[in-house]
Amino acid sequence: MKKINFFHSMTLMGMLTAMICMMTACGNEEEDPITPPAQDTTGEVTFSVDVTDGGTGAGTYNSPATVEQGDTLNMTISQKSTYKDTDGSIHTFEPKATIALHTSADTLYAKDLKELTTVSEPNLRTTSTGTDPVTHSTVQTFCIGGKDVTFDLAYEIFNYVNSKGVKKEMPYVKLNNAQYGKASSSEVSTRAGQKAIASVAGMSIRPHNATRGIVVTENTAYDVNVKFNLDVESVNTSSTQKQNLAFEVNFLAIVESSRELPDLVDVQYRKDFIIEEPHHNFPLATRYVVYRDRIYSNGETVTDTFTSGLCAAMEGDCTIDDKYGTLIYGDYMQMIKVDTVAVTNPEATEFVDLGKHGESEDFPFGEKLETYELMGEGEYFNPESPKEGWYFRDVFKAYQKGTSNPETYRRDLSSMMSFYDRFLYIDGQIINFWDKVMTHNVEYSSESKTLEDGTPAKVFTLKHTAQYLGMDFSITLHDVYVQKK
């Protein structure tokens, strides 16, 4: 939780208002016909501003409260409002205000940079409910290049009838529009019931660095940062105090080819994969690829390419009696381990069932999508408000058996192989590769034989094979019991 504390003396009037529209957008709004309670200068208020969840930063110039595409930032302004009556009694209330800042999860598409940086007149809705406190709510949506950014604001106002029978508003704070990065605010009346106002204080764009594993061809991707400011100001106090709150919204936008395109009539998706030869720390690696064909009314097709991050084709290990096997490169990847133990009677040795085989999950592919991690982001798929990008999870399957001879402790044989299942979330849908998952098979066998030196022996074998993207993988374990000499 990010917290800033402000302590200001404040008096009786108004409301906590959050203001969201262009500098010129709300000048003609009419005031609601509300007669405000009497004003005074004998009240005080202290308050704290907390970014409770969904974002980063503290809401200051040096640390703006920042929300990412698809997330919701929640801010609470807690207050302690006191009023000293003429008879000397002191009355205290604790009004609260909330600010929620949200932008949709979908990637914005714009035909050019001019359209991307256009801010339309915001849509504004206000309501008031309750009596004491009165809760004033404002929902205001900016359209930035076609992307909706929404402020959802609510604040409480308490009233008090003093010893002389005069109705008073308890102390409060209000929000004025402000220029980005400045603590001073313009003098704008914000009596209870008036429309909320604010300003878009700045915007910046930069080429997208594909940290989420998205590579787009034919078009140009940008990271967009939009700045907002709201000034918190004391009203009707002995000394007016002002504090600037800074907000930022980040989202991904794609500026399409500069060619004039006709109407989009269809979108189709094609899937492929790439197998890369061993390099760096990868013995063998894969990438998944999605091609998005956007088909236009003139017959033209524009193709975007989305390529996943690099993942190992297979990861695995095997042990006999806690001794690890060795990875071997050849026509296909394989691991092998041979271990030997001497006993009086090898034929007395038997396989021992160790129970259920190990699996990463026991649910079908396509279920429990919240277990998939967003590549490069360290967060998981959120079905309620998913972010666009490549998601993955490590899917493994393990097999195990024990061998036992009356003369020795049980020796365990274990084998595990895994691959990285991935899907792409784009355009509000999941493009999956669940027709290309790794499949497994296991065989157990035992054989009595005579070694080359004439020693009787019994060999126990676990052979685990897997197939993935046309490649074969194998793990072979031989646990050899030989007769003591």
Foldseek 3Di string as FASTA:
>chain_A
DAKDWFFWFFWFFAWAFAADWAPPQCPPPDFDPDDTFDIDAQKGKTKMKDFDDQFWFRQALVTATEHEALTKIKMKIWMWIWGQFPVGDIDIDIKMKMKIKHWAQAAAEAQDVVLQADKDTKDKDWDWDDDAWIKIWMWIWIQHSNITMIIIMIITWGWDQGPVRGITTIWDKYKAEDARPDFDGDDDDDGPRTTHHYHFRDKDKDFDPCLLQFDWPQWTKIKIKTKTKIKIWHHSYPDIDIGIGIYMYIYMYIHHHNDDAAAFDDKDKDKDKDKDPDDDPANIKMKIKIWIWTAGPVGDTDIIIGIGDIWHAKDKWKDKQPHTWDWDDDQAIETEEEDEDADADQVQKDKADPDDWDWPDDDAPPPPQQQWARRSPRHGADVVRGHWHKTKDKIKTKDKIWMDHPVDDIIMIMMMMITIFMWTQHPNDIHGDSVFHKDKDKDWDKDWDADPVRWTKMKIKIKMWIAGPRGIYIYIYIYMYTYDD
